Amino acid sequence: MWSKIKLHTTISTKLTLLYTLILFCILLFTGLLTHVGIRYYLFLDAKKDLDISISLVRQSLAAGTALTPAMLEGNLLMPGVILKVYDEQDGLLWDSAPYDPLNQELPAAEKQDGRSPLLSFFHWLNTDEHYTSEHVFWTDNRVYRLEFIRKTLVEAHFLSVLTRNLVAANILGLGVAVVSGVFISRKILRPIRQIIDTTKNIKINNLGERLDENNCEDELQELARTINRMLHRIQTGVEQQQRFVADASHELRTPITVISGYANMLDRWGKNDLSVLDEGIAAIKSEASQMQHLIEKLLFLARLDQDMHVLKKTPVEMKGLIDEVVQETRLIAPEHQIFLCRNDPVVISADPVSLKQLLRIFIENSIKYTPAGGTISITSRAACAHLEISVADTGIGIPAEDQPKVFDRFYRVDKSRSKTTGGAGLGLSIARWIAEQHAGAIHLSSEPGKGTTLTLALPLTPPPEANETG
């Protein structure tokens, strides 16, 4: 039922209504319980007075006292108890309170002997003004019917006053509950309103604003902390995207500017000057090739960001793969000394194309930052459950403050982006992604002026269990 009721109002109002309803039910239940409990206690007290009076009268009659009005002089009846004596024809012989006007209005007595206190209590609830008990005595060869009546008018008046007070107290309690509920709910929900107001003010150019975590408690504090973490991730992503766009624009602007410049030069002087024509065509082809490589890397990173690049892992014999990469390197870098120090024959589960791309990135970086005549050493060895592939050079090295950032996109140690070293700072970020997809890790060790070592650790493929023969 509650799921079908939709109140188009604030949470604080809903909470106030809910708490007020719960409190109303509690007050109603406790009020009814209090009223019935006190009423039952008063009934037991009246029944006790009646039982004491009956017991005293019986004892007096058993001692031989005559059944006359004079017997009441011994204070046999408790306060509020009336005794009526009837003969065999139900004629009233005498009454202990003959001049009480309320006594004349009492209905005919009903026999109470043998009833349980609970049944007598429910009967008393119907009368609400008296409680009676009837007894028959045989004395002086005559039968007398004695009716004991305990009037409860005082108790009824007390219950009436109590009921009115309980109703007034409940109404007052509900009023206090409504006022306090509104105050407390607003105080509890104030951090949520602050969260809403703060998030409304956060825009794409104002992602640095954060929620005040100290102004919240419990789950709200955790909510504010979670939102702040989300905002931090969004801010980081936006900043990376903006830096990515700026760096990509810069990298593309340079070759486009060069191509445009040479095209203008050819248009002016290259038509008749073969040397200028050859120089311009060579420069345009070089810049176009760099643009092609840059665009391919950008498209590769875009596929990575969209989880569209899927690796096809197969068992790869690493010795042959590394030999092939080393031979290619010796062909493209004849001005460097390329050494294969060690190449263990191991098999791993990997995508061979991606692994070749990763190793080529390592070697290309070593070639770029190692002067002609320098040494590049490649080592592949199995260690415990991993294969470690290292590419070490004797190049210019990387400063310590730059080493943690070299795997970021478009980050280059050479801030001038000179053509001497070239590149766009995307290779190592691609290499890191490839390593992570193979459950591997890359470790960088470098010292300025002495060289750099990049080490790739890949898990080995466990050998198949040999079939037991007996």
Protein backbone atom coordinates (compact mmCIF):
# COMPACT_ATOMS: atom_id res chain seq x y z
CA MET A 1 0.00 0.00 0.00
CA TRP A 2 2.76 2.42 0.97
CA SER A 3 4.57 1.75 -2.32
CA LYS A 4 1.51 2.98 -4.23
CA ILE A 5 1.27 6.23 -2.26
CA LYS A 6 3.41 8.94 -3.81
CA LEU A 7 3.63 12.24 -2.00
CA HIS A 8 5.00 15.00 -4.18
CA THR A 9 6.70 16.81 -1.34
CA THR A 10 10.11 17.16 0.30
CA ILE A 11 11.88 14.38 2.16
CA SER A 12 11.74 16.37 5.42
CA THR A 13 7.94 16.59 5.15
CA LYS A 14 7.67 12.87 4.43
CA LEU A 15 9.89 12.04 7.39
CA THR A 16 7.87 14.34 9.65
CA LEU A 17 4.58 12.73 8.58
CA LEU A 18 6.03 9.26 9.02
CA TYR A 19 7.43 9.96 12.50
CA THR A 20 4.19 11.69 13.52
CA LEU A 21 2.14 8.69 12.42
CA ILE A 22 4.44 6.30 14.28
CA LEU A 23 4.31 8.44 17.42
CA PHE A 24 0.50 8.70 17.16
CA CYS A 25 0.21 4.91 17.06
CA ILE A 26 2.58 4.59 20.03
CA LEU A 27 0.70 7.20 22.08
CA LEU A 28 -2.65 5.65 21.20
CA PHE A 29 -1.48 2.19 22.21
CA THR A 30 0.14 3.35 25.45
CA GLY A 31 -2.91 5.48 26.31
CA LEU A 32 -5.32 2.58 25.81
CA LEU A 33 -3.02 0.27 27.73
CA THR A 34 -2.76 2.77 30.60
CA HIS A 35 -6.53 3.32 30.71
CA VAL A 36 -7.37 -0.40 30.72
CA GLY A 37 -4.61 -1.17 33.25
CA ILE A 38 -5.76 1.46 35.75
CA ARG A 39 -9.38 0.46 35.23
CA TYR A 40 -8.55 -3.16 35.97
CA TYR A 41 -6.60 -2.13 39.08
CA LEU A 42 -9.58 -0.11 40.38
CA PHE A 43 -11.84 -3.07 39.68
CA LEU A 44 -9.59 -5.35 41.72
CA ASP A 45 -9.60 -2.82 44.55
CA ALA A 46 -13.41 -2.68 44.52
CA LYS A 47 -13.62 -6.46 44.42
CA LYS A 48 -11.24 -6.65 47.38
CA ASP A 49 -13.45 -4.31 49.46
CA LEU A 50 -16.47 -6.40 48.54
CA ASP A 51 -14.75 -9.69 49.43
CA ILE A 52 -13.59 -8.31 52.81
CA SER A 53 -17.12 -7.12 53.62
CA ILE A 54 -18.61 -10.50 52.67
CA SER A 55 -16.02 -12.31 54.78
CA LEU A 56 -16.69 -10.13 57.85
CA VAL A 57 -20.46 -10.57 57.56
CA ARG A 58 -20.09 -14.34 57.23
CA GLN A 59 -17.84 -14.51 60.26
CA SER A 60 -20.32 -12.44 62.27
CA LEU A 61 -23.24 -14.67 61.29
CA ALA A 62 -21.19 -17.79 62.00
CA ALA A 63 -20.50 -16.42 65.51
CA GLY A 64 -24.24 -16.35 66.17
CA THR A 65 -24.99 -12.67 65.54
CA ALA A 66 -28.59 -12.10 64.55
CA LEU A 67 -29.25 -10.87 61.03
CA THR A 68 -30.55 -7.43 62.01
CA PRO A 69 -29.59 -3.86 61.21
CA ALA A 70 -27.82 -3.77 64.55
CA MET A 71 -25.12 -6.13 63.26
CA LEU A 72 -23.79 -3.33 61.04
CA GLU A 73 -22.76 -1.36 64.11
CA GLY A 74 -19.60 -3.48 64.21
CA ASN A 75 -18.25 -1.85 61.04
CA LEU A 76 -18.54 -5.04 59.06
CA LEU A 77 -18.81 -3.24 55.72
CA MET A 78 -15.87 -1.56 54.00
CA PRO A 79 -16.29 2.10 52.89
CA GLY A 80 -18.47 2.30 49.78
CA VAL A 81 -20.04 -1.17 50.29
CA ILE A 82 -23.85 -1.42 50.61
CA LEU A 83 -25.68 -4.45 52.04
CA LYS A 84 -29.28 -5.28 51.12
CA VAL A 85 -31.15 -8.13 52.79
CA TYR A 86 -34.12 -9.87 51.07
CA ASP A 87 -36.53 -12.54 52.36
CA GLU A 88 -37.80 -15.63 50.55
CA GLN A 89 -40.26 -13.57 48.49
CA ASP A 90 -37.46 -11.11 47.45
CA GLY A 91 -38.89 -8.50 49.71
CA LEU A 92 -36.39 -5.94 50.92
CA LEU A 93 -36.06 -6.28 54.69
CA TRP A 94 -33.44 -3.62 55.32
CA ASP A 95 -30.77 -1.58 53.54
CA SER A 96 -27.46 -0.27 54.92
CA ALA A 97 -27.81 2.95 52.85
CA PRO A 98 -31.53 3.59 52.48
CA TYR A 99 -31.22 7.33 51.91
CA ASP A 100 -28.62 7.25 49.17
CA PRO A 101 -30.43 8.50 46.02
CA LEU A 102 -27.97 6.74 43.74
CA ASN A 103 -28.62 3.51 45.55
CA GLN A 104 -32.20 3.50 44.27
CA GLU A 105 -31.08 3.68 40.67
CA LEU A 106 -28.94 0.59 40.79
CA PRO A 107 -30.20 -2.22 38.53
CA ALA A 108 -31.15 -5.60 39.83
CA ALA A 109 -28.19 -7.52 41.16
CA GLU A 110 -26.65 -10.35 39.22
CA LYS A 111 -24.94 -13.22 40.94
CA GLN A 112 -21.14 -12.82 40.81
CA ASP A 113 -20.11 -15.93 42.74
CA GLY A 114 -18.20 -18.43 40.69
CA ARG A 115 -17.16 -15.96 38.04
CA SER A 116 -13.49 -15.46 37.24
CA PRO A 117 -12.06 -12.00 37.97
CA LEU A 118 -11.62 -11.42 34.22
CA LEU A 119 -15.29 -12.17 33.44
CA SER A 120 -16.38 -10.04 36.38
CA PHE A 121 -14.16 -7.23 35.10
CA PHE A 122 -15.82 -7.27 31.67
CA HIS A 123 -19.23 -7.26 33.32
CA TRP A 124 -18.14 -4.28 35.41
CA LEU A 125 -17.06 -2.49 32.23
CA ASN A 126 -20.71 -2.61 31.11
CA THR A 127 -22.11 -1.21 34.37
CA ASP A 128 -19.20 1.16 35.17
CA GLU A 129 -20.94 2.40 38.34
CA HIS A 130 -21.15 -0.57 40.73
CA TYR A 131 -20.00 -4.07 41.35
CA THR A 132 -22.34 -6.59 43.07
CA SER A 133 -22.17 -9.99 44.69
CA GLU A 134 -25.14 -12.09 45.94
CA HIS A 135 -25.14 -14.68 48.77
CA VAL A 136 -27.85 -16.86 50.40
CA PHE A 137 -27.88 -17.60 54.17
CA TRP A 138 -30.02 -19.96 56.27
CA THR A 139 -30.58 -18.76 59.79
CA ASP A 140 -33.44 -18.89 62.29
CA ASN A 141 -35.22 -21.38 60.02
CA ARG A 142 -35.49 -18.73 57.33
CA VAL A 143 -33.70 -18.12 54.02
CA TYR A 144 -32.22 -14.72 53.45
CA ARG A 145 -30.60 -13.32 50.29
CA LEU A 146 -27.80 -10.87 50.94
CA GLU A 147 -26.74 -8.53 48.15
CA PHE A 148 -23.43 -6.75 48.57
CA ILE A 149 -22.93 -3.70 46.33
CA ARG A 150 -19.68 -1.78 45.87
CA LYS A 151 -20.31 1.62 44.24
CA THR A 152 -17.56 2.81 41.81
CA LEU A 153 -18.74 6.32 40.99
CA VAL A 154 -15.51 7.85 42.35
CA GLU A 155 -13.42 5.49 40.25
CA ALA A 156 -15.53 6.26 37.17
CA HIS A 157 -14.99 9.98 37.69
CA PHE A 158 -11.24 9.42 38.11
CA LEU A 159 -11.13 7.42 34.87
CA SER A 160 -13.04 10.13 33.07
CA VAL A 161 -10.55 12.77 34.20
CA LEU A 162 -7.65 10.46 33.34
CA THR A 163 -9.02 9.88 29.84
CA ARG A 164 -9.34 13.59 29.18
CA ASN A 165 -5.81 14.19 30.43
CA LEU A 166 -4.43 11.37 28.28
CA VAL A 167 -6.16 12.75 25.17
CA ALA A 168 -4.83 16.25 25.91
CA ALA A 169 -1.33 14.92 26.54
CA ASN A 170 -1.41 12.91 23.29
CA ILE A 171 -2.54 15.92 21.29
CA LEU A 172 0.17 18.04 22.88
CA GLY A 173 2.72 15.28 22.21
CA LEU A 174 1.72 15.10 18.57
CA GLY A 175 2.08 18.85 18.25
CA VAL A 176 5.55 18.74 19.80
CA ALA A 177 6.40 15.79 17.54
CA VAL A 178 5.40 17.69 14.41
CA VAL A 179 7.39 20.81 15.36
CA SER A 180 10.44 18.87 16.52
CA GLY A 181 10.18 16.52 13.52
CA VAL A 182 10.31 19.43 11.09
CA PHE A 183 13.28 20.95 12.94
CA ILE A 184 15.22 17.69 13.28
CA SER A 185 14.54 16.49 9.73
CA ARG A 186 15.67 19.82 8.30
CA LYS A 187 18.80 19.73 10.44
CA ILE A 188 19.58 16.15 9.39
CA LEU A 189 18.94 16.89 5.71
CA ARG A 190 20.79 20.20 5.72
CA PRO A 191 24.05 18.55 4.51
CA ILE A 192 22.11 17.03 1.60
CA ARG A 193 20.80 20.45 0.64
CA GLN A 194 24.35 21.80 0.85
CA ILE A 195 25.52 18.94 -1.36
CA ILE A 196 22.79 19.78 -3.87
CA ASP A 197 23.62 23.51 -3.84
CA THR A 198 27.34 22.81 -4.24
CA THR A 199 26.90 20.34 -7.08
CA LYS A 200 24.61 22.81 -8.87
CA ASN A 201 27.44 25.36 -8.84
CA ILE A 202 30.00 22.91 -10.24
CA LYS A 203 30.49 23.46 -13.97
CA ILE A 204 33.02 22.32 -16.55
CA ASN A 205 35.15 25.40 -15.88
CA ASN A 206 34.77 25.08 -12.10
CA LEU A 207 35.62 21.45 -11.38
CA GLY A 208 38.00 22.37 -8.57
CA GLU A 209 35.18 23.04 -6.08
CA ARG A 210 34.63 20.31 -3.48
CA LEU A 211 32.05 19.42 -0.86
CA ASP A 212 32.79 20.07 2.80
CA GLU A 213 33.23 16.59 4.28
CA ASN A 214 33.62 17.91 7.82
CA ASN A 215 30.08 19.32 7.77
CA CYS A 216 28.60 15.84 7.42
CA GLU A 217 28.48 12.74 9.56
CA ASP A 218 28.05 9.01 9.05
CA GLU A 219 26.59 8.05 5.65
CA LEU A 220 26.35 11.67 4.51
CA GLN A 221 30.06 12.13 5.11
CA GLU A 222 30.75 9.02 3.05
CA LEU A 223 28.43 10.38 0.33
CA ALA A 224 30.30 13.70 0.28
CA ARG A 225 33.64 11.87 0.18
CA THR A 226 32.44 9.68 -2.70
CA ILE A 227 31.20 12.70 -4.67
CA ASN A 228 34.52 14.48 -4.08
CA ARG A 229 36.40 11.44 -5.38
CA MET A 230 34.14 11.35 -8.42
CA LEU A 231 34.70 15.06 -9.01
CA HIS A 232 38.44 14.50 -8.70
CA ARG A 233 38.31 11.74 -11.32
CA ILE A 234 36.18 13.90 -13.60
CA GLN A 235 38.53 16.85 -13.15
CA THR A 236 41.55 14.65 -13.85
CA GLY A 237 39.89 13.21 -16.94
CA VAL A 238 38.87 16.62 -18.26
CA GLU A 239 42.34 18.02 -17.64
CA GLN A 240 43.91 15.03 -19.37
CA GLN A 241 41.52 15.44 -22.28
CA GLN A 242 42.26 19.14 -22.55
CA ARG A 243 46.00 18.48 -22.36
CA PHE A 244 45.62 15.68 -24.89
CA VAL A 245 43.78 17.95 -27.33
CA ALA A 246 46.30 20.76 -26.83
CA ASP A 247 49.31 18.46 -27.28
CA ALA A 248 47.78 16.68 -30.27
CA SER A 249 47.02 20.05 -31.85
CA HIS A 250 50.58 21.16 -31.22
CA GLU A 251 52.05 17.97 -32.66
CA LEU A 252 49.86 18.19 -35.76
CA ARG A 253 50.36 21.91 -36.20
CA THR A 254 54.13 21.56 -36.58
CA PRO A 255 54.16 19.18 -39.58
CA ILE A 256 51.23 20.99 -41.16
CA THR A 257 53.14 24.27 -40.87
CA VAL A 258 56.24 22.68 -42.38
CA ILE A 259 54.27 21.16 -45.24
CA SER A 260 52.52 24.46 -45.89
CA GLY A 261 55.84 26.32 -45.86
CA TYR A 262 57.50 23.95 -48.30
CA ALA A 263 54.43 23.98 -50.53
CA ASN A 264 54.61 27.77 -50.71
CA MET A 265 58.34 27.58 -51.39
CA LEU A 266 57.80 25.12 -54.22
CA ASP A 267 55.05 27.29 -55.63
CA ARG A 268 57.43 30.26 -55.78
CA TRP A 269 60.83 28.81 -56.66
CA GLY A 270 60.56 25.05 -57.01
CA LYS A 271 59.03 24.96 -60.45
CA ASN A 272 62.30 25.75 -62.18
CA ASP A 273 64.86 24.84 -59.46
CA LEU A 274 65.32 21.08 -59.21
CA SER A 275 67.32 21.27 -55.97
CA VAL A 276 64.56 23.25 -54.26
CA LEU A 277 62.01 20.85 -55.68
CA ASP A 278 63.83 17.79 -54.36
CA GLU A 279 64.32 19.39 -50.93
CA GLY A 280 60.67 20.37 -50.68
CA ILE A 281 59.37 16.97 -51.76
CA ALA A 282 61.67 15.18 -49.29
CA ALA A 283 60.59 17.45 -46.43
CA ILE A 284 56.90 17.05 -47.26
CA LYS A 285 57.25 13.25 -47.41
CA SER A 286 59.07 13.24 -44.04
CA GLU A 287 56.49 15.41 -42.34
CA ALA A 288 53.63 13.42 -43.87
CA SER A 289 55.19 10.22 -42.56
CA GLN A 290 55.45 11.69 -39.05
CA MET A 291 51.84 12.82 -39.23
CA GLN A 292 50.79 9.34 -40.31
CA HIS A 293 52.61 7.75 -37.36
CA LEU A 294 51.12 10.31 -34.96
CA ILE A 295 47.59 9.81 -36.27
CA GLU A 296 47.95 6.03 -36.03
CA LYS A 297 49.01 6.35 -32.40
CA LEU A 298 46.14 8.72 -31.66
CA LEU A 299 43.66 6.31 -33.25
CA PHE A 300 45.22 3.46 -31.28
CA LEU A 301 44.80 5.39 -28.01
CA ALA A 302 41.22 6.30 -28.95
CA ARG A 303 40.43 2.60 -29.42
CA LEU A 304 42.02 1.87 -26.06
CA ASP A 305 39.90 4.51 -24.33
CA GLN A 306 36.75 3.01 -25.86
CA ASP A 307 37.82 -0.61 -25.07
CA MET A 308 37.64 -1.45 -28.76
CA HIS A 309 41.14 -2.89 -29.11
CA VAL A 310 41.13 -6.63 -28.48
CA LEU A 311 44.30 -8.67 -28.05
CA LYS A 312 44.55 -12.15 -29.54
CA LYS A 313 46.69 -14.15 -27.15
CA THR A 314 48.38 -17.33 -28.29
CA PRO A 315 51.39 -19.32 -27.03
CA VAL A 316 54.40 -17.32 -28.21
CA GLU A 317 57.97 -18.62 -28.39
CA MET A 318 59.81 -15.53 -27.17
CA LYS A 319 63.32 -16.45 -28.34
CA GLY A 320 62.38 -16.23 -32.03
CA LEU A 321 60.31 -13.06 -31.50
CA ILE A 322 63.17 -11.22 -29.79
CA ASP A 323 65.69 -12.39 -32.42
CA GLU A 324 63.43 -10.92 -35.09
CA VAL A 325 63.13 -7.57 -33.30
CA VAL A 326 66.91 -7.39 -32.79
CA GLN A 327 67.56 -8.05 -36.49
CA GLU A 328 65.11 -5.29 -37.46
CA THR A 329 66.78 -2.89 -35.04
CA ARG A 330 70.24 -3.53 -36.48
CA LEU A 331 68.91 -2.71 -39.94
CA ILE A 332 67.19 0.57 -38.97
CA ALA A 333 69.92 1.79 -36.58
CA PRO A 334 73.26 0.93 -38.15
CA GLU A 335 74.89 3.89 -36.37
CA HIS A 336 74.28 2.25 -32.96
CA GLN A 337 75.80 -0.87 -31.45
CA ILE A 338 73.00 -3.40 -30.84
CA PHE A 339 73.82 -6.34 -28.53
CA LEU A 340 71.63 -9.31 -27.60
CA CYS A 341 73.19 -10.31 -24.30
CA ARG A 342 70.85 -13.18 -23.40
CA ASN A 343 67.76 -14.76 -24.90
CA ASP A 344 66.20 -17.62 -22.91
CA PRO A 345 63.87 -19.97 -24.81
CA VAL A 346 60.52 -19.58 -23.05
CA VAL A 347 56.87 -19.68 -24.08
CA ILE A 348 54.26 -17.22 -22.82
CA SER A 349 50.61 -16.52 -23.61
CA ALA A 350 50.58 -13.18 -25.42
CA ASP A 351 49.59 -11.23 -28.49
CA PRO A 352 52.77 -11.35 -30.63
CA VAL A 353 51.91 -8.21 -32.62
CA SER A 354 51.40 -6.14 -29.46
CA LEU A 355 54.57 -7.50 -27.84
CA LYS A 356 56.60 -6.57 -30.92
CA GLN A 357 55.07 -3.10 -30.80
CA LEU A 358 56.02 -2.76 -27.12
CA LEU A 359 59.65 -3.86 -27.69
CA ARG A 360 59.96 -1.55 -30.69
CA ILE A 361 58.77 1.36 -28.53
CA PHE A 362 61.50 0.57 -25.97
CA ILE A 363 64.16 0.35 -28.67
CA GLU A 364 62.96 3.46 -30.54
CA ASN A 365 63.23 5.49 -27.33
CA SER A 366 66.76 4.17 -26.77
CA ILE A 367 67.73 5.07 -30.34
CA LYS A 368 66.27 8.58 -30.06
CA TYR A 369 68.06 9.45 -26.83
CA THR A 370 71.35 7.64 -27.46
CA PRO A 371 73.96 9.44 -29.57
CA ALA A 372 75.43 7.74 -32.65
CA GLY A 373 77.97 5.11 -31.69
CA GLY A 374 76.19 4.42 -28.39
CA THR A 375 75.28 0.96 -27.17
CA ILE A 376 71.84 -0.63 -26.84
CA SER A 377 71.75 -3.96 -24.97
CA ILE A 378 68.80 -6.34 -25.04
CA THR A 379 68.41 -9.11 -22.49
CA SER A 380 65.67 -11.74 -22.09
CA ARG A 381 65.88 -14.15 -19.18
CA ALA A 382 63.49 -16.35 -17.26
CA ALA A 383 63.41 -15.57 -13.55
CA CYS A 384 61.13 -17.58 -11.23
CA ALA A 385 57.62 -17.29 -12.70
CA HIS A 386 58.38 -14.27 -14.91
CA LEU A 387 60.19 -13.43 -18.09
CA GLU A 388 62.23 -10.23 -17.79
CA ILE A 389 63.06 -8.37 -20.99
CA SER A 390 65.43 -5.41 -20.57
CA VAL A 391 66.48 -2.74 -23.04
CA ALA A 392 69.45 -0.73 -21.73
CA ASP A 393 71.17 2.16 -23.50
CA THR A 394 74.06 4.52 -22.90
CA GLY A 395 72.05 7.62 -23.79
CA ILE A 396 71.41 10.95 -22.09
CA GLY A 397 69.26 9.45 -19.31
CA ILE A 398 66.15 10.83 -17.64
CA PRO A 399 66.13 13.19 -14.63
CA ALA A 400 64.63 11.72 -11.46
CA GLU A 401 61.76 14.25 -11.35
CA ASP A 402 60.68 13.26 -14.88
CA GLN A 403 60.81 9.49 -14.48
CA PRO A 404 57.32 9.04 -12.92
CA LYS A 405 55.76 11.09 -15.77
CA VAL A 406 57.33 9.52 -18.86
CA PHE A 407 54.40 7.07 -19.18
CA ASP A 408 51.86 9.92 -19.38
CA ARG A 409 50.48 10.78 -22.79
CA PHE A 410 52.35 13.50 -24.68
CA TYR A 411 54.87 13.88 -21.88
CA ARG A 412 58.41 14.41 -23.12
CA VAL A 413 61.59 15.02 -21.23
CA ASP A 414 62.69 17.25 -24.12
CA LYS A 415 60.29 20.15 -23.53
CA SER A 416 61.42 21.85 -26.74
CA ARG A 417 59.98 19.06 -28.89
CA SER A 418 63.00 19.34 -31.14
CA LYS A 419 63.31 17.30 -34.26
CA THR A 420 66.60 15.88 -33.03
CA THR A 421 64.79 13.41 -30.82
CA GLY A 422 61.35 13.58 -32.50
CA GLY A 423 58.32 11.68 -31.22
CA ALA A 424 55.13 12.84 -29.62
CA GLY A 425 55.40 11.28 -26.17
CA LEU A 426 52.78 8.58 -26.83
CA GLY A 427 54.92 5.48 -27.14
CA LEU A 428 55.50 4.65 -23.49
CA SER A 429 51.83 5.19 -22.58
CA ILE A 430 50.92 2.63 -25.26
CA ALA A 431 53.65 0.30 -23.97
CA ARG A 432 52.28 0.49 -20.44
CA TRP A 433 48.78 -0.41 -21.66
CA ILE A 434 50.12 -3.43 -23.57
CA ALA A 435 52.06 -4.59 -20.49
CA GLU A 436 48.98 -4.28 -18.27
CA GLN A 437 46.89 -6.30 -20.75
CA HIS A 438 49.46 -9.11 -20.43
CA ALA A 439 49.42 -8.93 -16.60
CA GLY A 440 52.92 -7.51 -16.77
CA ALA A 441 54.73 -4.49 -15.38
CA ILE A 442 57.34 -2.02 -16.62
CA HIS A 443 60.23 -0.83 -14.47
CA LEU A 444 62.33 2.19 -15.43
CA SER A 445 65.85 2.84 -14.15
CA SER A 446 67.78 5.85 -15.39
CA GLU A 447 70.58 8.19 -14.47
CA PRO A 448 71.28 11.42 -16.38
CA GLY A 449 74.40 11.13 -18.53
CA LYS A 450 74.70 7.37 -18.03
CA GLY A 451 71.71 5.88 -19.78
CA THR A 452 68.31 4.31 -19.23
CA THR A 453 67.07 0.75 -18.68
CA LEU A 454 63.48 -0.31 -19.36
CA THR A 455 62.50 -3.72 -18.00
CA LEU A 456 59.32 -5.61 -18.89
CA ALA A 457 58.22 -8.43 -16.57
CA LEU A 458 55.72 -10.92 -18.04
CA PRO A 459 54.26 -14.01 -16.35
CA LEU A 460 55.40 -17.33 -17.81
CA THR A 461 52.90 -19.81 -19.17
CA PRO A 462 52.79 -22.78 -16.76
CA PRO A 463 53.94 -25.99 -18.49
CA PRO A 464 51.27 -28.65 -19.13
CA GLU A 465 51.16 -31.44 -16.58
CA ALA A 466 52.77 -34.62 -17.81
CA ASN A 467 50.52 -37.63 -18.09
CA GLU A 468 51.39 -40.25 -15.48
CA THR A 469 52.11 -43.70 -16.79
CA GLY A 470 52.39 -46.77 -14.70
